[in-house]
Amino acid sequence: MKVEIWSDVMCPFCYIGKRRFEQALEEFEYADELDIQWKSFQLNPDMETDPDLNINEYLADTKGWSPEQARQMNQRVTNMAEEVGLEYNMDQAVVANSFDAHRLVQFAKTQGKGDNMEEALFRAYFTDGKNIADHETLVSLASDIGLDTDQAKEALTSDEYANQVKHDIQIAQSMEVRGVPFFLFHRKYAISGARETEVFLKALKQSWNEWLQDDEGVPTVEG
């Protein structure tokens, strides 16, 4: 059964949602039989990479918040991340456009390492304070998960992978997806946001049972 996950590697709730979904998988007896596909999404496609700009300053400028409001918001998501065993160092986060990172995920998917690449990028951005728009950094991350460095370099300039990123985003827009993470189970049940583990488990069980019957329709799971 197919599970599609639209995500942006600079979205704090996407990393949290990934962990909660993984916790649900640990309780789902057919987890090994799922086809989990990561899909690209950009929350801010026009973001300009600026390693010298503090993330709190960026949020204050773009959201119309005060620097203190930005810090408080980042502290809230940091606390949420801690609840699922993640370490966020938001003060170290580098303001960076995520498009090329998504290109790398698309390449990694062709090598059966899409999930590994997502995890590496999330950690690089939220924990290690790395610039996920920098090509040397991206190639190094690809190498760390066992991908060929020359192929990774080619992927970062490839129109093919760029088009795949755009295609994923277009599909999300056609379904009127406004934010991520967005989980779609068997093209039938949708969960938007970093919901509780129990919500993911419910969707897995229900969609699995209906997948076996090959029903049709796209209702939305309510928490």
N, C-alpha and C. Protein backbone atom coordinates (compact mmCIF):
# COMPACT_ATOMS: atom_id res chain seq x y z
N MET A 1 0.84 -1.19 0.00
CA MET A 1 0.00 0.00 0.00
C MET A 1 0.88 1.24 0.00
N LYS A 2 0.49 2.23 -0.79
CA LYS A 2 1.29 3.43 -0.94
C LYS A 2 0.93 4.48 0.13
N VAL A 3 1.98 5.04 0.73
CA VAL A 3 1.82 6.19 1.62
C VAL A 3 2.71 7.30 1.07
N GLU A 4 2.10 8.41 0.70
CA GLU A 4 2.83 9.55 0.14
C GLU A 4 2.91 10.66 1.18
N ILE A 5 4.10 11.25 1.31
CA ILE A 5 4.33 12.27 2.33
C ILE A 5 4.93 13.51 1.68
N TRP A 6 4.14 14.58 1.64
CA TRP A 6 4.66 15.86 1.16
C TRP A 6 5.31 16.58 2.34
N SER A 7 6.53 17.07 2.11
CA SER A 7 7.31 17.60 3.22
C SER A 7 8.31 18.62 2.71
N ASP A 8 8.69 19.55 3.58
CA ASP A 8 9.78 20.48 3.28
C ASP A 8 10.85 20.28 4.34
N VAL A 9 12.09 20.12 3.93
CA VAL A 9 13.16 19.77 4.87
C VAL A 9 13.52 20.91 5.82
N MET A 10 12.95 22.10 5.62
CA MET A 10 13.16 23.19 6.56
C MET A 10 11.90 23.50 7.36
N CYS A 11 10.96 22.54 7.34
CA CYS A 11 9.71 22.69 8.09
C CYS A 11 9.84 21.95 9.43
N PRO A 12 9.80 22.67 10.56
CA PRO A 12 10.01 22.02 11.85
C PRO A 12 8.94 20.98 12.18
N PHE A 13 7.72 21.20 11.72
CA PHE A 13 6.65 20.26 12.01
C PHE A 13 6.76 19.00 11.16
N CYS A 14 7.44 19.11 10.01
CA CYS A 14 7.62 17.94 9.14
C CYS A 14 8.53 16.91 9.80
N TYR A 15 9.59 17.37 10.46
CA TYR A 15 10.50 16.44 11.15
C TYR A 15 9.78 15.79 12.33
N ILE A 16 9.02 16.58 13.06
CA ILE A 16 8.24 16.04 14.17
C ILE A 16 7.20 15.05 13.65
N GLY A 17 6.54 15.41 12.56
CA GLY A 17 5.56 14.50 11.97
C GLY A 17 6.17 13.21 11.50
N LYS A 18 7.39 13.28 10.97
CA LYS A 18 8.11 12.08 10.54
C LYS A 18 8.31 11.13 11.71
N ARG A 19 8.74 11.68 12.85
CA ARG A 19 8.97 10.84 14.02
C ARG A 19 7.67 10.22 14.55
N ARG A 20 6.62 10.99 14.59
CA ARG A 20 5.36 10.46 15.09
C ARG A 20 4.81 9.39 14.15
N PHE A 21 4.98 9.59 12.84
CA PHE A 21 4.57 8.58 11.87
C PHE A 21 5.40 7.31 12.05
N GLU A 22 6.69 7.47 12.29
CA GLU A 22 7.55 6.31 12.51
C GLU A 22 7.16 5.55 13.78
N GLN A 23 6.73 6.28 14.79
CA GLN A 23 6.25 5.63 16.01
C GLN A 23 5.01 4.81 15.72
N ALA A 24 4.14 5.32 14.85
CA ALA A 24 2.95 4.57 14.46
C ALA A 24 3.34 3.32 13.67
N LEU A 25 4.35 3.44 12.82
CA LEU A 25 4.80 2.29 12.04
C LEU A 25 5.29 1.16 12.94
N GLU A 26 5.91 1.53 14.07
CA GLU A 26 6.40 0.51 15.00
C GLU A 26 5.26 -0.32 15.58
N GLU A 27 4.07 0.24 15.61
CA GLU A 27 2.92 -0.47 16.15
C GLU A 27 2.05 -1.10 15.07
N PHE A 28 2.41 -0.89 13.80
CA PHE A 28 1.60 -1.39 12.68
C PHE A 28 2.23 -2.65 12.12
N GLU A 29 1.51 -3.74 12.19
CA GLU A 29 2.12 -5.05 11.88
C GLU A 29 2.46 -5.24 10.41
N TYR A 30 1.92 -4.42 9.53
CA TYR A 30 2.20 -4.58 8.10
C TYR A 30 3.13 -3.48 7.59
N ALA A 31 3.89 -2.86 8.47
CA ALA A 31 4.74 -1.73 8.09
C ALA A 31 5.72 -2.09 6.98
N ASP A 32 6.24 -3.32 7.00
CA ASP A 32 7.22 -3.73 6.00
C ASP A 32 6.62 -3.86 4.60
N GLU A 33 5.31 -3.87 4.52
CA GLU A 33 4.65 -4.03 3.23
C GLU A 33 4.17 -2.71 2.64
N LEU A 34 4.54 -1.61 3.28
CA LEU A 34 4.13 -0.30 2.79
C LEU A 34 5.13 0.26 1.78
N ASP A 35 4.63 0.99 0.81
CA ASP A 35 5.46 1.72 -0.14
C ASP A 35 5.39 3.20 0.25
N ILE A 36 6.40 3.65 1.02
CA ILE A 36 6.40 5.01 1.54
C ILE A 36 7.19 5.90 0.59
N GLN A 37 6.55 6.93 0.08
CA GLN A 37 7.16 7.80 -0.92
C GLN A 37 7.20 9.24 -0.42
N TRP A 38 8.40 9.81 -0.37
CA TRP A 38 8.56 11.21 0.03
C TRP A 38 8.35 12.11 -1.17
N LYS A 39 7.56 13.16 -0.97
CA LYS A 39 7.23 14.10 -2.03
C LYS A 39 7.73 15.50 -1.65
N SER A 40 8.13 16.25 -2.65
CA SER A 40 8.68 17.58 -2.42
C SER A 40 7.59 18.64 -2.24
N PHE A 41 7.90 19.61 -1.40
CA PHE A 41 7.03 20.76 -1.17
C PHE A 41 7.91 21.89 -0.66
N GLN A 42 7.61 23.12 -1.08
CA GLN A 42 8.35 24.27 -0.56
C GLN A 42 7.37 25.24 0.10
N LEU A 43 7.59 25.47 1.38
CA LEU A 43 6.75 26.42 2.09
C LEU A 43 7.02 27.85 1.62
N ASN A 44 8.26 28.11 1.27
CA ASN A 44 8.63 29.45 0.80
C ASN A 44 9.57 29.32 -0.39
N PRO A 45 9.02 29.11 -1.58
CA PRO A 45 9.89 28.90 -2.76
C PRO A 45 10.73 30.13 -3.12
N ASP A 46 10.33 31.31 -2.65
CA ASP A 46 11.05 32.53 -2.99
C ASP A 46 12.11 32.89 -1.96
N MET A 47 12.29 32.07 -0.95
CA MET A 47 13.28 32.36 0.08
C MET A 47 14.68 32.46 -0.53
N GLU A 48 15.41 33.50 -0.16
CA GLU A 48 16.78 33.66 -0.61
C GLU A 48 17.74 33.18 0.47
N THR A 49 18.67 32.36 0.07
CA THR A 49 19.65 31.82 1.02
C THR A 49 20.53 32.95 1.56
N ASP A 50 20.65 33.01 2.89
CA ASP A 50 21.48 34.03 3.53
C ASP A 50 22.05 33.46 4.83
N PRO A 51 23.23 32.85 4.75
CA PRO A 51 23.84 32.23 5.94
C PRO A 51 24.13 33.22 7.07
N ASP A 52 24.18 34.51 6.74
CA ASP A 52 24.51 35.51 7.75
C ASP A 52 23.28 36.01 8.51
N LEU A 53 22.09 35.59 8.07
CA LEU A 53 20.85 36.07 8.67
C LEU A 53 20.35 35.08 9.71
N ASN A 54 20.13 35.55 10.92
CA ASN A 54 19.60 34.71 11.99
C ASN A 54 18.15 34.35 11.70
N ILE A 55 17.76 33.10 11.98
CA ILE A 55 16.41 32.65 11.67
C ILE A 55 15.35 33.46 12.42
N ASN A 56 15.67 33.90 13.62
CA ASN A 56 14.71 34.73 14.37
C ASN A 56 14.51 36.08 13.68
N GLU A 57 15.59 36.64 13.16
CA GLU A 57 15.49 37.90 12.43
C GLU A 57 14.68 37.71 11.16
N TYR A 58 14.92 36.59 10.47
CA TYR A 58 14.19 36.32 9.24
C TYR A 58 12.69 36.20 9.51
N LEU A 59 12.31 35.42 10.53
CA LEU A 59 10.91 35.25 10.85
C LEU A 59 10.27 36.57 11.28
N ALA A 60 11.01 37.36 12.03
CA ALA A 60 10.49 38.65 12.46
C ALA A 60 10.21 39.55 11.25
N ASP A 61 11.13 39.53 10.29
CA ASP A 61 10.97 40.37 9.10
C ASP A 61 9.83 39.89 8.21
N THR A 62 9.73 38.58 8.00
CA THR A 62 8.75 38.06 7.05
C THR A 62 7.36 37.88 7.64
N LYS A 63 7.29 37.62 8.94
CA LYS A 63 6.00 37.38 9.57
C LYS A 63 5.42 38.62 10.25
N GLY A 64 6.25 39.64 10.37
CA GLY A 64 5.79 40.82 11.07
C GLY A 64 5.79 40.66 12.58
N TRP A 65 6.63 39.73 13.07
CA TRP A 65 6.73 39.49 14.50
C TRP A 65 7.88 40.32 15.07
N SER A 66 7.90 40.38 16.39
CA SER A 66 9.07 40.92 17.06
C SER A 66 10.10 39.80 17.18
N PRO A 67 11.39 40.12 17.35
CA PRO A 67 12.39 39.07 17.54
C PRO A 67 12.05 38.16 18.72
N GLU A 68 11.47 38.73 19.76
CA GLU A 68 11.11 37.93 20.93
C GLU A 68 9.99 36.95 20.60
N GLN A 69 9.01 37.38 19.80
CA GLN A 69 7.94 36.48 19.37
C GLN A 69 8.51 35.33 18.54
N ALA A 70 9.46 35.64 17.69
CA ALA A 70 10.09 34.61 16.86
C ALA A 70 10.83 33.60 17.74
N ARG A 71 11.55 34.10 18.74
CA ARG A 71 12.27 33.19 19.64
C ARG A 71 11.30 32.31 20.43
N GLN A 72 10.20 32.88 20.86
CA GLN A 72 9.21 32.12 21.61
C GLN A 72 8.59 31.03 20.74
N MET A 73 8.30 31.35 19.49
CA MET A 73 7.74 30.35 18.58
C MET A 73 8.73 29.22 18.35
N ASN A 74 9.99 29.58 18.14
CA ASN A 74 11.01 28.55 17.92
C ASN A 74 11.22 27.70 19.17
N GLN A 75 11.07 28.29 20.34
CA GLN A 75 11.20 27.52 21.57
C GLN A 75 10.05 26.53 21.71
N ARG A 76 8.87 26.93 21.28
CA ARG A 76 7.71 26.01 21.35
C ARG A 76 7.94 24.78 20.47
N VAL A 77 8.41 25.01 19.24
CA VAL A 77 8.63 23.86 18.35
C VAL A 77 9.81 23.02 18.84
N THR A 78 10.78 23.68 19.47
CA THR A 78 11.91 22.94 20.06
C THR A 78 11.42 22.02 21.16
N ASN A 79 10.50 22.51 21.98
CA ASN A 79 9.93 21.68 23.05
C ASN A 79 9.12 20.53 22.47
N MET A 80 8.37 20.77 21.40
CA MET A 80 7.62 19.70 20.73
C MET A 80 8.57 18.63 20.20
N ALA A 81 9.68 19.08 19.63
CA ALA A 81 10.65 18.14 19.06
C ALA A 81 11.25 17.27 20.15
N GLU A 82 11.53 17.86 21.30
CA GLU A 82 12.11 17.10 22.41
C GLU A 82 11.19 15.96 22.83
N GLU A 83 9.88 16.17 22.71
CA GLU A 83 8.92 15.14 23.13
C GLU A 83 9.02 13.88 22.28
N VAL A 84 9.55 13.99 21.07
CA VAL A 84 9.71 12.82 20.20
C VAL A 84 11.18 12.46 20.01
N GLY A 85 12.04 13.00 20.90
CA GLY A 85 13.45 12.62 20.88
C GLY A 85 14.32 13.36 19.90
N LEU A 86 13.87 14.52 19.42
CA LEU A 86 14.65 15.30 18.47
C LEU A 86 15.29 16.50 19.15
N GLU A 87 16.46 16.87 18.66
CA GLU A 87 17.16 18.04 19.19
C GLU A 87 17.15 19.15 18.15
N TYR A 88 16.45 20.23 18.46
CA TYR A 88 16.43 21.39 17.57
C TYR A 88 17.34 22.48 18.15
N ASN A 89 18.22 23.00 17.30
CA ASN A 89 19.04 24.14 17.66
C ASN A 89 18.68 25.29 16.72
N MET A 90 17.51 25.88 16.98
CA MET A 90 16.96 26.84 16.04
C MET A 90 17.82 28.09 15.90
N ASP A 91 18.53 28.48 16.94
CA ASP A 91 19.38 29.67 16.84
C ASP A 91 20.52 29.47 15.84
N GLN A 92 20.82 28.20 15.52
CA GLN A 92 21.88 27.91 14.58
C GLN A 92 21.36 27.67 13.16
N ALA A 93 20.04 27.64 12.99
CA ALA A 93 19.46 27.32 11.68
C ALA A 93 19.86 28.36 10.64
N VAL A 94 20.25 27.88 9.46
CA VAL A 94 20.69 28.75 8.37
C VAL A 94 19.52 29.03 7.44
N VAL A 95 19.25 30.29 7.18
CA VAL A 95 18.20 30.67 6.23
C VAL A 95 18.63 30.21 4.84
N ALA A 96 17.89 29.25 4.27
CA ALA A 96 18.33 28.65 3.01
C ALA A 96 17.14 28.17 2.20
N ASN A 97 17.20 28.39 0.91
CA ASN A 97 16.18 27.86 0.00
C ASN A 97 16.35 26.35 -0.11
N SER A 98 15.26 25.62 -0.06
CA SER A 98 15.34 24.16 0.01
C SER A 98 15.24 23.45 -1.34
N PHE A 99 15.19 24.19 -2.45
CA PHE A 99 14.92 23.55 -3.74
C PHE A 99 15.97 22.49 -4.09
N ASP A 100 17.23 22.82 -3.97
CA ASP A 100 18.28 21.86 -4.35
C ASP A 100 18.31 20.68 -3.38
N ALA A 101 17.96 20.91 -2.13
CA ALA A 101 17.86 19.79 -1.19
C ALA A 101 16.78 18.81 -1.67
N HIS A 102 15.69 19.34 -2.19
CA HIS A 102 14.64 18.47 -2.72
C HIS A 102 15.11 17.73 -3.97
N ARG A 103 15.92 18.38 -4.78
CA ARG A 103 16.51 17.69 -5.92
C ARG A 103 17.28 16.45 -5.44
N LEU A 104 18.03 16.64 -4.37
CA LEU A 104 18.85 15.55 -3.84
C LEU A 104 17.96 14.42 -3.32
N VAL A 105 16.85 14.76 -2.68
CA VAL A 105 15.91 13.74 -2.22
C VAL A 105 15.37 12.95 -3.42
N GLN A 106 15.04 13.66 -4.48
CA GLN A 106 14.52 12.98 -5.67
C GLN A 106 15.55 11.99 -6.23
N PHE A 107 16.81 12.40 -6.25
CA PHE A 107 17.87 11.48 -6.68
C PHE A 107 17.99 10.30 -5.73
N ALA A 108 17.97 10.59 -4.43
CA ALA A 108 18.11 9.53 -3.43
C ALA A 108 16.99 8.50 -3.56
N LYS A 109 15.82 8.95 -3.92
CA LYS A 109 14.68 8.02 -4.10
C LYS A 109 14.97 6.99 -5.18
N THR A 110 15.69 7.40 -6.22
CA THR A 110 16.01 6.45 -7.30
C THR A 110 16.99 5.38 -6.84
N GLN A 111 17.67 5.66 -5.73
CA GLN A 111 18.64 4.71 -5.17
C GLN A 111 18.07 3.98 -3.95
N GLY A 112 16.79 4.14 -3.70
CA GLY A 112 16.15 3.49 -2.55
C GLY A 112 16.52 4.11 -1.22
N LYS A 113 16.95 5.38 -1.23
CA LYS A 113 17.41 6.03 -0.01
C LYS A 113 16.69 7.36 0.26
N GLY A 114 15.45 7.45 -0.20
CA GLY A 114 14.71 8.69 0.01
C GLY A 114 14.51 9.02 1.47
N ASP A 115 14.14 8.03 2.27
CA ASP A 115 13.93 8.27 3.70
C ASP A 115 15.24 8.65 4.38
N ASN A 116 16.32 7.98 4.01
CA ASN A 116 17.63 8.29 4.60
C ASN A 116 18.04 9.73 4.30
N MET A 117 17.74 10.16 3.07
CA MET A 117 18.13 11.52 2.68
C MET A 117 17.29 12.55 3.42
N GLU A 118 15.99 12.29 3.54
CA GLU A 118 15.12 13.20 4.30
C GLU A 118 15.65 13.34 5.73
N GLU A 119 15.96 12.22 6.35
CA GLU A 119 16.43 12.23 7.73
C GLU A 119 17.73 13.03 7.85
N ALA A 120 18.65 12.81 6.92
CA ALA A 120 19.94 13.50 6.96
C ALA A 120 19.77 15.01 6.79
N LEU A 121 18.86 15.40 5.92
CA LEU A 121 18.63 16.83 5.68
C LEU A 121 17.95 17.49 6.87
N PHE A 122 16.96 16.81 7.44
CA PHE A 122 16.32 17.34 8.63
C PHE A 122 17.34 17.58 9.74
N ARG A 123 18.16 16.57 9.98
CA ARG A 123 19.16 16.69 11.05
C ARG A 123 20.17 17.80 10.74
N ALA A 124 20.57 17.88 9.49
CA ALA A 124 21.53 18.91 9.10
C ALA A 124 20.97 20.30 9.37
N TYR A 125 19.71 20.50 9.06
CA TYR A 125 19.11 21.82 9.21
C TYR A 125 18.78 22.15 10.66
N PHE A 126 18.06 21.25 11.31
CA PHE A 126 17.52 21.58 12.64
C PHE A 126 18.49 21.31 13.79
N THR A 127 19.36 20.34 13.64
CA THR A 127 20.26 19.97 14.74
C THR A 127 21.67 20.52 14.55
N ASP A 128 22.19 20.38 13.33
CA ASP A 128 23.60 20.68 13.10
C ASP A 128 23.86 22.09 12.55
N GLY A 129 22.81 22.82 12.21
CA GLY A 129 22.98 24.18 11.73
C GLY A 129 23.73 24.29 10.41
N LYS A 130 23.50 23.33 9.51
CA LYS A 130 24.19 23.34 8.23
C LYS A 130 23.35 24.06 7.17
N ASN A 131 24.06 24.56 6.16
CA ASN A 131 23.42 25.27 5.06
C ASN A 131 22.94 24.25 4.02
N ILE A 132 21.65 23.99 3.99
CA ILE A 132 21.12 22.95 3.10
C ILE A 132 20.94 23.44 1.67
N ALA A 133 21.39 24.65 1.37
CA ALA A 133 21.42 25.12 -0.01
C ALA A 133 22.83 25.04 -0.59
N ASP A 134 23.81 24.81 0.26
CA ASP A 134 25.20 24.73 -0.17
C ASP A 134 25.49 23.37 -0.80
N HIS A 135 25.99 23.38 -2.04
CA HIS A 135 26.16 22.13 -2.77
C HIS A 135 27.21 21.22 -2.14
N GLU A 136 28.28 21.78 -1.62
CA GLU A 136 29.29 20.94 -0.97
C GLU A 136 28.69 20.23 0.25
N THR A 137 27.90 20.95 1.00
CA THR A 137 27.23 20.36 2.15
C THR A 137 26.29 19.25 1.73
N LEU A 138 25.52 19.49 0.67
CA LEU A 138 24.56 18.50 0.20
C LEU A 138 25.26 17.25 -0.32
N VAL A 139 26.32 17.42 -1.06
CA VAL A 139 27.07 16.26 -1.57
C VAL A 139 27.66 15.46 -0.42
N SER A 140 28.14 16.15 0.59
CA SER A 140 28.69 15.47 1.78
C SER A 140 27.60 14.66 2.49
N LEU A 141 26.42 15.23 2.61
CA LEU A 141 25.31 14.51 3.24
C LEU A 141 24.93 13.29 2.42
N ALA A 142 24.94 13.45 1.10
CA ALA A 142 24.64 12.31 0.22
C ALA A 142 25.67 11.20 0.41
N SER A 143 26.93 11.58 0.49
CA SER A 143 28.00 10.60 0.69
C SER A 143 27.83 9.87 2.02
N ASP A 144 27.41 10.61 3.04
CA ASP A 144 27.25 10.03 4.38
C ASP A 144 26.23 8.89 4.40
N ILE A 145 25.25 8.93 3.49
CA ILE A 145 24.24 7.86 3.46
C ILE A 145 24.52 6.85 2.35
N GLY A 146 25.70 6.95 1.77
CA GLY A 146 26.12 5.93 0.81
C GLY A 146 25.80 6.21 -0.64
N LEU A 147 25.48 7.46 -0.98
CA LEU A 147 25.22 7.80 -2.37
C LEU A 147 26.52 8.21 -3.07
N ASP A 148 26.55 7.98 -4.36
CA ASP A 148 27.72 8.33 -5.16
C ASP A 148 27.86 9.85 -5.26
N THR A 149 29.03 10.38 -4.94
CA THR A 149 29.19 11.83 -4.89
C THR A 149 29.09 12.48 -6.27
N ASP A 150 29.63 11.83 -7.30
CA ASP A 150 29.55 12.40 -8.65
C ASP A 150 28.10 12.46 -9.12
N GLN A 151 27.36 11.41 -8.83
CA GLN A 151 25.95 11.41 -9.22
C GLN A 151 25.16 12.44 -8.43
N ALA A 152 25.54 12.62 -7.17
CA ALA A 152 24.86 13.62 -6.35
C ALA A 152 25.12 15.03 -6.89
N LYS A 153 26.35 15.30 -7.31
CA LYS A 153 26.68 16.60 -7.90
C LYS A 153 25.86 16.84 -9.16
N GLU A 154 25.74 15.81 -9.98
CA GLU A 154 24.95 15.94 -11.21
C GLU A 154 23.48 16.19 -10.89
N ALA A 155 22.98 15.52 -9.85
CA ALA A 155 21.57 15.66 -9.48
C ALA A 155 21.23 17.09 -9.09
N LEU A 156 22.21 17.80 -8.50
CA LEU A 156 21.96 19.16 -8.01
C LEU A 156 21.86 20.18 -9.12
N THR A 157 22.21 19.79 -10.34
CA THR A 157 22.05 20.69 -11.49
C THR A 157 21.14 20.07 -12.55
N SER A 158 20.50 18.98 -12.22
CA SER A 158 19.71 18.21 -13.18
C SER A 158 18.32 18.80 -13.38
N ASP A 159 17.96 19.05 -14.64
CA ASP A 159 16.59 19.48 -14.95
C ASP A 159 15.59 18.37 -14.64
N GLU A 160 16.04 17.12 -14.81
CA GLU A 160 15.14 15.99 -14.55
C GLU A 160 14.66 16.00 -13.10
N TYR A 161 15.58 16.14 -12.16
CA TYR A 161 15.19 16.13 -10.76
C TYR A 161 14.47 17.42 -10.37
N ALA A 162 14.86 18.52 -11.00
CA ALA A 162 14.14 19.78 -10.77
C ALA A 162 12.69 19.65 -11.20
N ASN A 163 12.47 19.02 -12.34
CA ASN A 163 11.11 18.83 -12.83
C ASN A 163 10.30 17.91 -11.92
N GLN A 164 10.97 16.92 -11.33
CA GLN A 164 10.28 16.03 -10.40
C GLN A 164 9.85 16.78 -9.14
N VAL A 165 10.71 17.69 -8.67
CA VAL A 165 10.35 18.53 -7.53
C VAL A 165 9.11 19.36 -7.87
N LYS A 166 9.14 20.00 -9.03
CA LYS A 166 8.02 20.84 -9.45
C LYS A 166 6.76 20.02 -9.64
N HIS A 167 6.91 18.79 -10.14
CA HIS A 167 5.76 17.92 -10.36
C HIS A 167 5.08 17.57 -9.03
N ASP A 168 5.88 17.25 -8.04
CA ASP A 168 5.33 16.94 -6.71
C ASP A 168 4.55 18.13 -6.16
N ILE A 169 5.12 19.31 -6.33
CA ILE A 169 4.48 20.52 -5.82
C ILE A 169 3.17 20.79 -6.56
N GLN A 170 3.17 20.56 -7.86
CA GLN A 170 1.95 20.76 -8.66
C GLN A 170 0.84 19.80 -8.23
N ILE A 171 1.22 18.55 -7.93
CA ILE A 171 0.22 17.58 -7.47
C ILE A 171 -0.38 18.04 -6.15
N ALA A 172 0.48 18.51 -5.25
CA ALA A 172 -0.01 19.01 -3.97
C ALA A 172 -0.96 20.18 -4.18
N GLN A 173 -0.60 21.08 -5.07
CA GLN A 173 -1.46 22.24 -5.34
C GLN A 173 -2.80 21.81 -5.93
N SER A 174 -2.78 20.78 -6.77
CA SER A 174 -4.02 20.30 -7.38
C SER A 174 -4.96 19.70 -6.34
N MET A 175 -4.38 19.22 -5.21
CA MET A 175 -5.18 18.69 -4.12
C MET A 175 -5.47 19.75 -3.06
N GLU A 176 -5.06 21.00 -3.38
CA GLU A 176 -5.27 22.15 -2.50
C GLU A 176 -4.57 21.98 -1.15
N VAL A 177 -3.38 21.36 -1.20
CA VAL A 177 -2.56 21.25 -0.01
C VAL A 177 -1.94 22.62 0.26
N ARG A 178 -2.17 23.15 1.45
CA ARG A 178 -1.70 24.48 1.80
C ARG A 178 -0.46 24.45 2.70
N GLY A 179 -0.26 23.34 3.37
CA GLY A 179 0.87 23.24 4.28
C GLY A 179 1.33 21.81 4.44
N VAL A 180 2.47 21.65 5.05
CA VAL A 180 3.04 20.32 5.26
C VAL A 180 3.47 20.18 6.71
N PRO A 181 3.63 18.93 7.18
CA PRO A 181 3.56 17.68 6.42
C PRO A 181 2.13 17.32 6.02
N PHE A 182 2.03 16.62 4.90
CA PHE A 182 0.75 16.15 4.40
C PHE A 182 0.92 14.68 4.02
N PHE A 183 0.19 13.83 4.69
CA PHE A 183 0.28 12.38 4.50
C PHE A 183 -0.95 11.89 3.74
N LEU A 184 -0.73 11.08 2.73
CA LEU A 184 -1.83 10.53 1.94
C LEU A 184 -1.70 9.01 1.89
N PHE A 185 -2.70 8.33 2.41
CA PHE A 185 -2.69 6.87 2.52
C PHE A 185 -3.57 6.27 1.43
N HIS A 186 -2.93 5.52 0.52
CA HIS A 186 -3.66 4.82 -0.54
C HIS A 186 -4.55 5.79 -1.34
N ARG A 187 -4.13 7.04 -1.43
CA ARG A 187 -4.90 8.08 -2.13
C ARG A 187 -6.34 8.13 -1.62
N LYS A 188 -6.53 7.76 -0.35
CA LYS A 188 -7.87 7.70 0.22
C LYS A 188 -8.02 8.53 1.49
N TYR A 189 -7.02 8.44 2.37
CA TYR A 189 -7.10 9.12 3.66
C TYR A 189 -5.95 10.12 3.78
N ALA A 190 -6.28 11.33 4.18
CA ALA A 190 -5.28 12.39 4.30
C ALA A 190 -5.15 12.86 5.73
N ILE A 191 -3.91 13.10 6.13
CA ILE A 191 -3.63 13.70 7.43
C ILE A 191 -2.73 14.90 7.18
N SER A 192 -3.14 16.04 7.67
CA SER A 192 -2.36 17.26 7.52
C SER A 192 -1.80 17.66 8.88
N GLY A 193 -0.48 17.84 8.93
CA GLY A 193 0.15 18.29 10.16
C GLY A 193 0.85 17.18 10.92
N ALA A 194 1.58 17.58 11.93
CA ALA A 194 2.31 16.63 12.79
C ALA A 194 1.38 16.12 13.86
N ARG A 195 0.46 15.26 13.46
CA ARG A 195 -0.57 14.79 14.37
C ARG A 195 -0.02 13.76 15.35
N GLU A 196 -0.84 13.40 16.31
CA GLU A 196 -0.42 12.43 17.31
C GLU A 196 -0.24 11.04 16.67
N THR A 197 0.60 10.23 17.29
CA THR A 197 0.89 8.89 16.77
C THR A 197 -0.39 8.08 16.58
N GLU A 198 -1.33 8.22 17.50
CA GLU A 198 -2.57 7.44 17.43
C GLU A 198 -3.36 7.76 16.17
N VAL A 199 -3.29 9.01 15.71
CA VAL A 199 -4.00 9.40 14.50
C VAL A 199 -3.39 8.71 13.27
N PHE A 200 -2.06 8.68 13.24
CA PHE A 200 -1.39 7.99 12.14
C PHE A 200 -1.70 6.50 12.15
N LEU A 201 -1.70 5.90 13.32
CA LEU A 201 -1.96 4.47 13.43
C LEU A 201 -3.37 4.14 12.97
N LYS A 202 -4.32 4.98 13.34
CA LYS A 202 -5.70 4.79 12.90
C LYS A 202 -5.80 4.84 11.38
N ALA A 203 -5.13 5.80 10.78
CA ALA A 203 -5.16 5.93 9.32
C ALA A 203 -4.50 4.73 8.64
N LEU A 204 -3.40 4.26 9.20
CA LEU A 204 -2.73 3.10 8.64
C LEU A 204 -3.64 1.87 8.64
N LYS A 205 -4.27 1.63 9.77
CA LYS A 205 -5.12 0.45 9.89
C LYS A 205 -6.34 0.54 8.98
N GLN A 206 -6.96 1.71 8.96
CA GLN A 206 -8.18 1.85 8.16
C GLN A 206 -7.88 1.79 6.67
N SER A 207 -6.84 2.49 6.25
CA SER A 207 -6.50 2.49 4.82
C SER A 207 -6.00 1.12 4.38
N TRP A 208 -5.28 0.42 5.27
CA TRP A 208 -4.81 -0.92 4.93
C TRP A 208 -5.98 -1.86 4.68
N ASN A 209 -6.95 -1.83 5.56
CA ASN A 209 -8.11 -2.71 5.40
C ASN A 209 -8.87 -2.40 4.11
N GLU A 210 -8.97 -1.13 3.79
CA GLU A 210 -9.70 -0.76 2.57
C GLU A 210 -8.86 -0.98 1.32
N TRP A 211 -7.53 -0.89 1.47
CA TRP A 211 -6.66 -1.20 0.35
C TRP A 211 -6.83 -2.66 -0.06
N LEU A 212 -7.00 -3.53 0.93
CA LEU A 212 -7.20 -4.94 0.63
C LEU A 212 -8.48 -5.16 -0.16
N GLN A 213 -9.44 -4.28 0.04
CA GLN A 213 -10.71 -4.39 -0.69
C GLN A 213 -10.70 -3.55 -1.95
N ASP A 214 -9.66 -2.71 -2.09
CA ASP A 214 -9.50 -1.85 -3.28
C ASP A 214 -10.69 -0.95 -3.50
N ASP A 215 -11.13 -0.28 -2.42
CA ASP A 215 -12.22 0.67 -2.54
C ASP A 215 -11.69 1.97 -3.13
N GLU A 216 -12.59 2.91 -3.39
CA GLU A 216 -12.21 4.20 -3.94
C GLU A 216 -12.79 5.31 -3.08
N GLY A 217 -12.21 6.54 -3.29
CA GLY A 217 -12.67 7.69 -2.53
C GLY A 217 -11.52 8.30 -1.76
N VAL A 218 -11.64 9.57 -1.41
CA VAL A 218 -10.59 10.26 -0.68
C VAL A 218 -11.17 11.05 0.49
N PRO A 219 -11.67 10.35 1.52
CA PRO A 219 -12.10 11.07 2.73
C PRO A 219 -10.90 11.52 3.54
N THR A 220 -11.11 12.34 4.51
CA THR A 220 -10.04 12.84 5.36
C THR A 220 -10.21 12.30 6.77
N VAL A 221 -9.12 11.78 7.33
CA VAL A 221 -9.14 11.28 8.70
C VAL A 221 -9.24 12.44 9.66
N GLU A 222 -10.13 12.38 10.57
CA GLU A 222 -10.25 13.40 11.61
C GLU A 222 -9.57 12.88 12.85
N GLY A 223 -8.85 13.80 13.53
CA GLY A 223 -8.15 13.38 14.75
C GLY A 223 -9.16 13.13 15.83
